[in-house]
């Protein structure tokens, strides 16, 4: 089978899956304003802009676990959220954050930052917002992730899954320094 036939078959299968999903809901497209899971891709997928919009919408809490956190707009949004009274806490990979000005910027904005050195790599890329939304995936909070790398960003709005991510954040926060 050649690549054109495979691509054509994949498109047909996706269309069939969408059609079946519509019929499984009684033939009526969902009126739910946002699906429980969304996905975005980079490069140039506006993931950074979306993350900032989510951070700006926070009213209570933002918990961040990042391997790499170098995106100045995301860092600024975290500090801005903290200034608005939102609880913001970060756990970063100790080696990736070593010698980084990010720590100084966040801490000067009253954002507590702990470093996770308990693992070879603290490779999580998770943001939990208001205990109701999780942003996760391969997307590092960096310019390279936005403009150069092939990355993905999942948005999850499921109470059970969000609580599992929150439990994992607290576990890593507990052993970080």
N, C-alpha and C. Protein backbone atom coordinates (compact mmCIF):
# COMPACT_ATOMS: atom_id res chain seq x y z
N UNK A 1 0.84 -1.18 0.00
CA UNK A 1 0.00 0.00 0.00
C UNK A 1 0.89 1.25 0.00
N UNK A 2 0.62 2.21 -0.87
CA UNK A 2 1.46 3.40 -0.91
C UNK A 2 0.97 4.46 0.08
N UNK A 3 1.76 5.50 0.24
CA UNK A 3 1.46 6.53 1.24
C UNK A 3 0.17 7.28 0.94
N UNK A 4 -0.14 7.53 -0.34
CA UNK A 4 -1.38 8.23 -0.69
C UNK A 4 -2.60 7.43 -0.28
N UNK A 5 -2.54 6.12 -0.48
CA UNK A 5 -3.66 5.27 -0.10
C UNK A 5 -3.82 5.23 1.42
N UNK A 6 -2.70 5.18 2.13
CA UNK A 6 -2.74 5.18 3.60
C UNK A 6 -3.33 6.48 4.10
N UNK A 7 -2.88 7.61 3.55
CA UNK A 7 -3.39 8.92 3.97
C UNK A 7 -4.88 9.02 3.67
N UNK A 8 -5.31 8.55 2.53
CA UNK A 8 -6.72 8.57 2.17
C UNK A 8 -7.54 7.70 3.12
N UNK A 9 -7.02 6.54 3.45
CA UNK A 9 -7.70 5.64 4.38
C UNK A 9 -7.79 6.27 5.76
N UNK A 10 -6.72 6.94 6.22
CA UNK A 10 -6.75 7.60 7.53
C UNK A 10 -7.81 8.69 7.56
N UNK A 11 -7.91 9.50 6.51
CA UNK A 11 -8.93 10.56 6.45
C UNK A 11 -10.33 9.96 6.50
N UNK A 12 -10.54 8.86 5.78
CA UNK A 12 -11.83 8.21 5.76
C UNK A 12 -12.18 7.68 7.15
N UNK A 13 -11.20 7.07 7.83
CA UNK A 13 -11.44 6.55 9.18
C UNK A 13 -11.77 7.65 10.18
N UNK A 14 -11.09 8.79 10.07
CA UNK A 14 -11.38 9.91 10.95
C UNK A 14 -12.81 10.41 10.71
N UNK A 15 -13.19 10.55 9.44
CA UNK A 15 -14.55 10.99 9.12
C UNK A 15 -15.58 10.01 9.64
N UNK A 16 -15.31 8.72 9.51
CA UNK A 16 -16.22 7.70 10.02
C UNK A 16 -16.34 7.77 11.53
N UNK A 17 -15.22 7.96 12.23
CA UNK A 17 -15.24 8.07 13.69
C UNK A 17 -16.07 9.28 14.13
N UNK A 18 -15.92 10.41 13.44
CA UNK A 18 -16.71 11.60 13.78
C UNK A 18 -18.20 11.35 13.54
N UNK A 19 -18.51 10.70 12.44
CA UNK A 19 -19.91 10.39 12.13
C UNK A 19 -20.50 9.46 13.19
N UNK A 20 -19.77 8.42 13.55
CA UNK A 20 -20.25 7.49 14.58
C UNK A 20 -20.43 8.19 15.93
N UNK A 21 -19.51 9.09 16.26
CA UNK A 21 -19.63 9.83 17.52
C UNK A 21 -20.89 10.68 17.52
N UNK A 22 -21.21 11.28 16.39
CA UNK A 22 -22.43 12.09 16.30
C UNK A 22 -23.65 11.23 16.50
N UNK A 23 -23.72 10.05 15.84
CA UNK A 23 -24.87 9.18 16.00
C UNK A 23 -24.98 8.61 17.41
N UNK A 24 -23.84 8.39 18.06
CA UNK A 24 -23.88 7.86 19.42
C UNK A 24 -24.46 8.87 20.40
N UNK A 25 -24.49 10.15 20.00
CA UNK A 25 -25.11 11.19 20.83
C UNK A 25 -26.53 11.47 20.36
N UNK A 26 -27.13 10.52 19.65
CA UNK A 26 -28.49 10.70 19.18
C UNK A 26 -28.57 11.48 17.88
N UNK A 27 -27.47 11.58 17.16
CA UNK A 27 -27.48 12.27 15.88
C UNK A 27 -27.40 13.78 16.00
N UNK A 28 -27.26 14.29 17.22
CA UNK A 28 -27.20 15.73 17.43
C UNK A 28 -25.81 16.09 17.91
N UNK A 29 -25.16 17.03 17.24
CA UNK A 29 -23.84 17.45 17.72
C UNK A 29 -23.94 18.00 19.14
N UNK A 30 -22.90 17.81 19.90
CA UNK A 30 -22.88 18.25 21.29
C UNK A 30 -23.00 19.77 21.39
N UNK A 31 -23.68 20.24 22.42
CA UNK A 31 -23.78 21.68 22.67
C UNK A 31 -22.85 22.10 23.80
N UNK A 32 -22.07 21.15 24.28
CA UNK A 32 -21.11 21.43 25.34
C UNK A 32 -20.14 22.51 24.86
N UNK A 33 -19.96 23.59 25.64
CA UNK A 33 -19.12 24.69 25.16
C UNK A 33 -17.66 24.29 24.95
N UNK A 34 -17.15 23.42 25.78
CA UNK A 34 -15.76 22.98 25.64
C UNK A 34 -15.71 21.49 25.91
N UNK A 35 -14.98 20.78 25.07
CA UNK A 35 -14.85 19.34 25.32
C UNK A 35 -13.98 19.10 26.55
N UNK A 36 -14.12 17.94 27.18
CA UNK A 36 -13.30 17.66 28.38
C UNK A 36 -11.82 17.53 28.07
N UNK A 37 -11.50 17.24 26.82
CA UNK A 37 -10.09 17.14 26.41
C UNK A 37 -9.93 17.87 25.08
N UNK A 38 -8.93 18.74 25.03
CA UNK A 38 -8.57 19.43 23.81
C UNK A 38 -7.08 19.22 23.57
N UNK A 39 -6.66 19.37 22.32
CA UNK A 39 -5.25 19.21 22.01
C UNK A 39 -4.80 20.33 21.07
N UNK A 40 -3.60 20.78 21.29
CA UNK A 40 -2.95 21.78 20.44
C UNK A 40 -1.56 21.25 20.10
N UNK A 41 -1.02 21.76 19.00
CA UNK A 41 0.29 21.32 18.55
C UNK A 41 1.17 22.52 18.21
N UNK A 42 2.46 22.32 18.34
CA UNK A 42 3.41 23.32 17.87
C UNK A 42 4.35 22.60 16.91
N UNK A 43 5.12 23.26 16.11
CA UNK A 43 5.46 24.67 16.25
C UNK A 43 4.35 25.59 15.72
N UNK A 44 4.42 26.79 16.21
CA UNK A 44 3.54 27.87 15.76
C UNK A 44 2.07 27.52 15.93
N UNK A 45 1.73 26.85 17.03
CA UNK A 45 0.34 26.49 17.28
C UNK A 45 -0.33 27.37 18.30
N UNK A 46 0.30 28.47 18.66
CA UNK A 46 -0.23 29.41 19.64
C UNK A 46 -0.44 28.77 21.01
N UNK A 47 0.35 27.76 21.34
CA UNK A 47 0.24 27.12 22.65
C UNK A 47 0.56 28.10 23.77
N UNK A 48 1.58 28.92 23.57
CA UNK A 48 1.95 29.89 24.60
C UNK A 48 0.81 30.87 24.85
N UNK A 49 0.21 31.37 23.79
CA UNK A 49 -0.91 32.30 23.93
C UNK A 49 -2.07 31.63 24.68
N UNK A 50 -2.33 30.37 24.37
CA UNK A 50 -3.41 29.64 25.04
C UNK A 50 -3.10 29.44 26.52
N UNK A 51 -1.86 29.06 26.83
CA UNK A 51 -1.47 28.88 28.23
C UNK A 51 -1.65 30.18 29.00
N UNK A 52 -1.22 31.29 28.41
CA UNK A 52 -1.36 32.59 29.08
C UNK A 52 -2.83 32.92 29.31
N UNK A 53 -3.69 32.65 28.34
CA UNK A 53 -5.12 32.90 28.53
C UNK A 53 -5.67 32.07 29.68
N UNK A 54 -5.25 30.82 29.77
CA UNK A 54 -5.69 29.95 30.87
C UNK A 54 -5.17 30.49 32.21
N UNK A 55 -3.90 30.89 32.26
CA UNK A 55 -3.33 31.44 33.49
C UNK A 55 -4.06 32.71 33.89
N UNK A 56 -4.36 33.57 32.93
CA UNK A 56 -5.06 34.82 33.21
C UNK A 56 -6.48 34.58 33.72
N UNK A 57 -7.06 33.43 33.38
CA UNK A 57 -8.43 33.13 33.82
C UNK A 57 -8.47 32.55 35.24
N UNK A 58 -7.33 32.21 35.80
CA UNK A 58 -7.28 31.60 37.14
C UNK A 58 -7.82 32.57 38.18
N UNK A 59 -8.61 32.03 39.10
CA UNK A 59 -9.16 32.85 40.18
C UNK A 59 -8.69 32.39 41.56
N UNK A 60 -8.17 31.17 41.65
CA UNK A 60 -7.82 30.61 42.94
C UNK A 60 -6.39 30.10 43.02
N UNK A 61 -6.02 29.19 42.10
CA UNK A 61 -4.71 28.56 42.24
C UNK A 61 -4.13 28.13 40.89
N UNK A 62 -2.80 28.17 40.86
CA UNK A 62 -2.04 27.66 39.72
C UNK A 62 -0.87 26.87 40.30
N UNK A 63 -0.78 25.59 39.93
CA UNK A 63 0.32 24.75 40.36
C UNK A 63 1.07 24.31 39.11
N UNK A 64 2.37 24.55 39.10
CA UNK A 64 3.18 24.34 37.91
C UNK A 64 4.28 23.33 38.19
N UNK A 65 4.39 22.32 37.33
CA UNK A 65 5.52 21.40 37.31
C UNK A 65 6.10 21.51 35.91
N UNK A 66 7.36 21.93 35.81
CA UNK A 66 7.96 22.10 34.49
C UNK A 66 9.40 21.61 34.50
N UNK A 67 9.76 20.96 33.42
CA UNK A 67 11.15 20.62 33.20
C UNK A 67 11.90 21.87 32.77
N UNK A 68 11.38 22.56 31.77
CA UNK A 68 11.97 23.80 31.28
C UNK A 68 10.91 24.90 31.39
N UNK A 69 11.26 25.99 32.03
CA UNK A 69 10.37 27.14 32.13
C UNK A 69 11.21 28.38 31.80
N UNK A 70 11.22 28.75 30.53
CA UNK A 70 12.01 29.89 30.10
C UNK A 70 11.20 30.90 29.29
N UNK A 71 9.95 30.61 29.01
CA UNK A 71 9.11 31.51 28.23
C UNK A 71 8.80 32.76 29.05
N UNK A 72 9.33 33.90 28.62
CA UNK A 72 9.11 35.15 29.35
C UNK A 72 7.63 35.51 29.45
N UNK A 73 6.82 35.33 28.39
CA UNK A 73 5.40 35.64 28.52
C UNK A 73 4.68 34.75 29.54
N UNK A 74 5.03 33.47 29.60
CA UNK A 74 4.40 32.57 30.58
C UNK A 74 4.85 32.94 31.99
N UNK A 75 6.13 33.23 32.15
CA UNK A 75 6.64 33.64 33.47
C UNK A 75 5.94 34.92 33.91
N UNK A 76 5.80 35.88 33.00
CA UNK A 76 5.11 37.14 33.33
C UNK A 76 3.66 36.89 33.72
N UNK A 77 2.99 35.95 33.04
CA UNK A 77 1.60 35.63 33.38
C UNK A 77 1.50 34.99 34.76
N UNK A 78 2.48 34.17 35.13
CA UNK A 78 2.48 33.57 36.47
C UNK A 78 2.65 34.65 37.54
N UNK A 79 3.58 35.57 37.32
CA UNK A 79 3.79 36.66 38.28
C UNK A 79 2.56 37.55 38.34
N UNK A 80 1.96 37.85 37.20
CA UNK A 80 0.75 38.67 37.16
C UNK A 80 -0.39 38.01 37.92
N UNK A 81 -0.55 36.70 37.75
CA UNK A 81 -1.60 35.98 38.48
C UNK A 81 -1.37 36.06 39.98
N UNK A 82 -0.13 35.92 40.38
CA UNK A 82 0.21 36.02 41.81
C UNK A 82 -0.12 37.41 42.34
N UNK A 83 0.17 38.44 41.56
CA UNK A 83 -0.13 39.81 41.98
C UNK A 83 -1.63 40.05 42.11
N UNK A 84 -2.44 39.29 41.36
CA UNK A 84 -3.90 39.40 41.45
C UNK A 84 -4.45 38.62 42.65
N UNK A 85 -3.57 37.95 43.41
CA UNK A 85 -4.01 37.21 44.58
C UNK A 85 -4.21 35.73 44.37
N UNK A 86 -3.89 35.24 43.19
CA UNK A 86 -3.99 33.81 42.91
C UNK A 86 -2.80 33.11 43.56
N UNK A 87 -3.04 31.98 44.21
CA UNK A 87 -1.95 31.16 44.75
C UNK A 87 -1.22 30.53 43.58
N UNK A 88 0.08 30.78 43.48
CA UNK A 88 0.90 30.20 42.42
C UNK A 88 2.09 29.51 43.08
N UNK A 89 2.28 28.22 42.75
CA UNK A 89 3.43 27.47 43.27
C UNK A 89 4.05 26.68 42.13
N UNK A 90 5.38 26.64 42.11
CA UNK A 90 6.11 25.98 41.03
C UNK A 90 7.07 24.93 41.57
N UNK A 91 7.16 23.82 40.87
CA UNK A 91 8.17 22.80 41.11
C UNK A 91 8.89 22.60 39.77
N UNK A 92 10.18 22.90 39.77
CA UNK A 92 10.96 22.81 38.54
C UNK A 92 12.07 21.77 38.68
N UNK A 93 12.52 21.26 37.56
CA UNK A 93 13.66 20.35 37.56
C UNK A 93 14.89 21.10 38.06
N UNK A 94 15.58 20.54 39.03
CA UNK A 94 16.71 21.22 39.66
C UNK A 94 17.83 21.51 38.67
N UNK A 95 18.12 20.56 37.77
CA UNK A 95 19.21 20.76 36.85
C UNK A 95 18.86 21.75 35.75
N UNK A 96 17.63 21.71 35.26
CA UNK A 96 17.22 22.63 34.20
C UNK A 96 17.14 24.06 34.72
N UNK A 97 16.83 24.23 36.00
CA UNK A 97 16.69 25.57 36.58
C UNK A 97 18.01 26.13 37.10
N UNK A 98 19.03 25.29 37.19
CA UNK A 98 20.31 25.71 37.76
C UNK A 98 20.88 26.90 36.99
N UNK A 99 21.19 27.95 37.71
CA UNK A 99 21.78 29.14 37.11
C UNK A 99 20.81 29.96 36.27
N UNK A 100 19.53 29.65 36.37
CA UNK A 100 18.53 30.33 35.54
C UNK A 100 18.04 31.62 36.20
N UNK A 101 17.83 32.64 35.40
CA UNK A 101 17.26 33.89 35.91
C UNK A 101 15.78 33.74 36.20
N UNK A 102 15.18 32.64 35.72
CA UNK A 102 13.76 32.39 35.96
C UNK A 102 13.46 32.35 37.45
N UNK A 103 14.32 31.71 38.21
CA UNK A 103 14.11 31.61 39.66
C UNK A 103 14.04 33.00 40.29
N UNK A 104 14.94 33.86 39.90
CA UNK A 104 14.97 35.22 40.44
C UNK A 104 13.70 35.98 40.07
N UNK A 105 13.28 35.89 38.82
CA UNK A 105 12.08 36.60 38.37
C UNK A 105 10.84 36.10 39.12
N UNK A 106 10.68 34.79 39.20
CA UNK A 106 9.51 34.23 39.88
C UNK A 106 9.53 34.58 41.37
N UNK A 107 10.66 34.35 42.00
CA UNK A 107 10.74 34.61 43.44
C UNK A 107 10.58 36.09 43.76
N UNK A 108 11.10 36.98 42.89
CA UNK A 108 10.91 38.42 43.13
C UNK A 108 9.45 38.81 42.92
N UNK A 109 8.69 37.99 42.20
CA UNK A 109 7.25 38.20 42.03
C UNK A 109 6.42 37.46 43.07
N UNK A 110 7.09 37.02 44.16
CA UNK A 110 6.44 36.29 45.26
C UNK A 110 5.82 34.96 44.82
N UNK A 111 6.42 34.33 43.82
CA UNK A 111 5.99 33.01 43.39
C UNK A 111 6.96 32.00 44.00
N UNK A 112 6.49 31.15 44.91
CA UNK A 112 7.38 30.14 45.49
C UNK A 112 7.82 29.13 44.43
N UNK A 113 9.12 28.85 44.42
CA UNK A 113 9.68 27.89 43.48
C UNK A 113 10.49 26.87 44.27
N UNK A 114 10.16 25.60 44.07
CA UNK A 114 10.94 24.51 44.65
C UNK A 114 11.62 23.76 43.52
N UNK A 115 12.78 23.18 43.82
CA UNK A 115 13.52 22.43 42.82
C UNK A 115 13.50 20.94 43.16
N UNK A 116 13.12 20.16 42.17
CA UNK A 116 13.00 18.71 42.34
C UNK A 116 14.28 18.05 41.85
N UNK A 117 15.10 17.61 42.80
CA UNK A 117 16.34 16.91 42.48
C UNK A 117 16.25 15.43 42.87
N UNK A 118 15.07 14.97 43.19
CA UNK A 118 14.91 13.59 43.65
C UNK A 118 14.91 12.58 42.50
N UNK A 119 14.92 13.08 41.28
CA UNK A 119 14.86 12.20 40.11
C UNK A 119 15.99 12.57 39.14
N UNK A 120 16.33 11.65 38.26
CA UNK A 120 17.33 11.97 37.23
C UNK A 120 16.89 13.22 36.47
N UNK A 121 15.62 13.23 36.08
CA UNK A 121 15.01 14.39 35.43
C UNK A 121 13.59 14.52 35.96
N UNK A 122 13.24 15.70 36.43
CA UNK A 122 11.84 15.99 36.79
C UNK A 122 11.19 16.51 35.50
N UNK A 123 10.74 15.59 34.68
CA UNK A 123 10.36 15.87 33.30
C UNK A 123 8.89 16.21 33.12
N UNK A 124 8.18 16.41 34.22
CA UNK A 124 6.76 16.78 34.11
C UNK A 124 6.60 18.12 33.43
N UNK A 125 5.51 18.24 32.69
CA UNK A 125 5.13 19.50 32.06
C UNK A 125 3.64 19.66 32.32
N UNK A 126 3.32 20.18 33.50
CA UNK A 126 1.94 20.19 33.97
C UNK A 126 1.63 21.55 34.58
N UNK A 127 0.44 22.06 34.27
CA UNK A 127 -0.08 23.24 34.93
C UNK A 127 -1.52 22.91 35.35
N UNK A 128 -1.79 23.07 36.65
CA UNK A 128 -3.13 22.79 37.20
C UNK A 128 -3.72 24.14 37.60
N UNK A 129 -4.89 24.44 37.06
CA UNK A 129 -5.52 25.74 37.28
C UNK A 129 -6.86 25.55 37.98
N UNK A 130 -7.00 26.22 39.13
CA UNK A 130 -8.25 26.24 39.91
C UNK A 130 -8.82 24.86 40.18
N UNK A 131 -7.97 23.86 40.29
CA UNK A 131 -8.38 22.48 40.57
C UNK A 131 -9.45 21.97 39.62
N UNK A 132 -9.51 22.56 38.41
CA UNK A 132 -10.51 22.12 37.45
C UNK A 132 -9.97 21.95 36.04
N UNK A 133 -8.71 22.29 35.84
CA UNK A 133 -8.14 22.28 34.51
C UNK A 133 -6.68 21.86 34.60
N UNK A 134 -6.28 20.96 33.72
CA UNK A 134 -4.88 20.55 33.62
C UNK A 134 -4.40 20.81 32.21
N UNK A 135 -3.24 21.44 32.11
CA UNK A 135 -2.52 21.57 30.85
C UNK A 135 -1.30 20.67 30.95
N UNK A 136 -1.13 19.76 30.01
CA UNK A 136 0.00 18.83 30.08
C UNK A 136 0.37 18.39 28.66
N UNK A 137 1.41 17.64 28.56
CA UNK A 137 1.87 17.14 27.28
C UNK A 137 3.37 17.31 27.16
N UNK A 138 3.86 17.29 25.95
CA UNK A 138 5.31 17.41 25.75
C UNK A 138 5.75 18.87 25.71
N UNK A 139 4.80 19.80 25.66
CA UNK A 139 5.12 21.22 25.48
C UNK A 139 5.85 21.78 26.69
N UNK A 140 7.13 22.15 26.48
CA UNK A 140 7.89 22.88 27.49
C UNK A 140 7.51 24.35 27.39
N UNK A 141 7.53 25.05 28.50
CA UNK A 141 7.20 26.47 28.51
C UNK A 141 8.44 27.24 28.04
N UNK A 142 8.69 27.17 26.72
CA UNK A 142 9.88 27.79 26.15
C UNK A 142 9.58 28.30 24.75
N UNK A 143 10.40 29.22 24.27
CA UNK A 143 10.26 29.71 22.90
C UNK A 143 10.53 28.61 21.89
N UNK A 144 11.48 27.74 22.18
CA UNK A 144 11.78 26.63 21.26
C UNK A 144 10.57 25.73 21.08
N UNK A 145 9.83 25.47 22.16
CA UNK A 145 8.64 24.63 22.06
C UNK A 145 7.58 25.30 21.20
N UNK A 146 7.46 26.61 21.31
CA UNK A 146 6.44 27.34 20.54
C UNK A 146 6.80 27.47 19.07
N UNK A 147 8.08 27.74 18.77
CA UNK A 147 8.44 28.12 17.41
C UNK A 147 9.25 27.09 16.63
N UNK A 148 9.90 26.14 17.31
CA UNK A 148 10.81 25.24 16.61
C UNK A 148 10.47 23.76 16.74
N UNK A 149 10.06 23.34 17.92
CA UNK A 149 9.90 21.91 18.20
C UNK A 149 8.53 21.39 17.79
N UNK A 150 8.45 20.10 17.56
CA UNK A 150 7.16 19.41 17.39
C UNK A 150 6.72 19.01 18.79
N UNK A 151 5.69 19.67 19.29
CA UNK A 151 5.23 19.46 20.67
C UNK A 151 3.71 19.31 20.68
N UNK A 152 3.17 18.85 21.80
CA UNK A 152 1.71 18.79 21.98
C UNK A 152 1.34 19.34 23.34
N UNK A 153 0.13 19.88 23.43
CA UNK A 153 -0.40 20.43 24.66
C UNK A 153 -1.83 19.94 24.81
N UNK A 154 -2.09 19.19 25.86
CA UNK A 154 -3.44 18.70 26.16
C UNK A 154 -4.08 19.57 27.22
N UNK A 155 -5.36 19.84 27.04
CA UNK A 155 -6.18 20.51 28.04
C UNK A 155 -7.17 19.47 28.54
N UNK A 156 -7.19 19.23 29.84
CA UNK A 156 -8.08 18.22 30.42
C UNK A 156 -8.97 18.90 31.46
N UNK A 157 -10.29 18.72 31.29
CA UNK A 157 -11.28 19.22 32.24
C UNK A 157 -12.08 18.02 32.75
N UNK A 158 -11.49 17.26 33.61
CA UNK A 158 -12.12 16.09 34.20
C UNK A 158 -11.71 16.05 35.66
N UNK A 159 -12.68 16.15 36.56
CA UNK A 159 -12.40 16.29 37.99
C UNK A 159 -11.51 15.18 38.53
N UNK A 160 -11.75 13.95 38.13
CA UNK A 160 -10.98 12.82 38.64
C UNK A 160 -9.52 12.92 38.17
N UNK A 161 -9.33 13.20 36.90
CA UNK A 161 -7.98 13.30 36.36
C UNK A 161 -7.25 14.50 36.95
N UNK A 162 -7.94 15.63 37.07
CA UNK A 162 -7.33 16.82 37.66
C UNK A 162 -6.86 16.51 39.08
N UNK A 163 -7.66 15.81 39.86
CA UNK A 163 -7.26 15.47 41.24
C UNK A 163 -6.06 14.55 41.27
N UNK A 164 -5.94 13.66 40.30
CA UNK A 164 -4.75 12.79 40.23
C UNK A 164 -3.50 13.60 39.93
N UNK A 165 -3.62 14.55 39.01
CA UNK A 165 -2.48 15.44 38.72
C UNK A 165 -2.13 16.28 39.94
N UNK A 166 -3.14 16.77 40.65
CA UNK A 166 -2.90 17.57 41.85
C UNK A 166 -2.19 16.74 42.92
N UNK A 167 -2.61 15.49 43.10
CA UNK A 167 -1.94 14.60 44.05
C UNK A 167 -0.48 14.37 43.68
N UNK A 168 -0.21 14.21 42.38
CA UNK A 168 1.16 14.03 41.92
C UNK A 168 1.98 15.29 42.13
N UNK A 169 1.39 16.46 41.88
CA UNK A 169 2.08 17.72 42.14
C UNK A 169 2.48 17.81 43.61
N UNK A 170 1.54 17.53 44.50
CA UNK A 170 1.81 17.62 45.95
C UNK A 170 2.90 16.64 46.37
N UNK A 171 2.91 15.45 45.79
CA UNK A 171 3.95 14.46 46.07
C UNK A 171 5.33 15.01 45.72
N UNK A 172 5.44 15.59 44.54
CA UNK A 172 6.73 16.13 44.10
C UNK A 172 7.09 17.42 44.85
N UNK A 173 6.10 18.21 45.17
CA UNK A 173 6.36 19.42 45.95
C UNK A 173 6.92 19.04 47.32
N UNK A 174 6.40 17.97 47.89
CA UNK A 174 6.82 17.54 49.23
C UNK A 174 8.30 17.18 49.29
N UNK A 175 8.84 16.55 48.25
CA UNK A 175 10.26 16.16 48.31
C UNK A 175 11.20 17.16 47.63
N UNK A 176 10.66 18.26 47.16
CA UNK A 176 11.49 19.28 46.50
C UNK A 176 11.99 20.30 47.52
N UNK A 177 13.06 21.00 47.15
CA UNK A 177 13.67 21.98 48.06
C UNK A 177 13.81 23.33 47.38
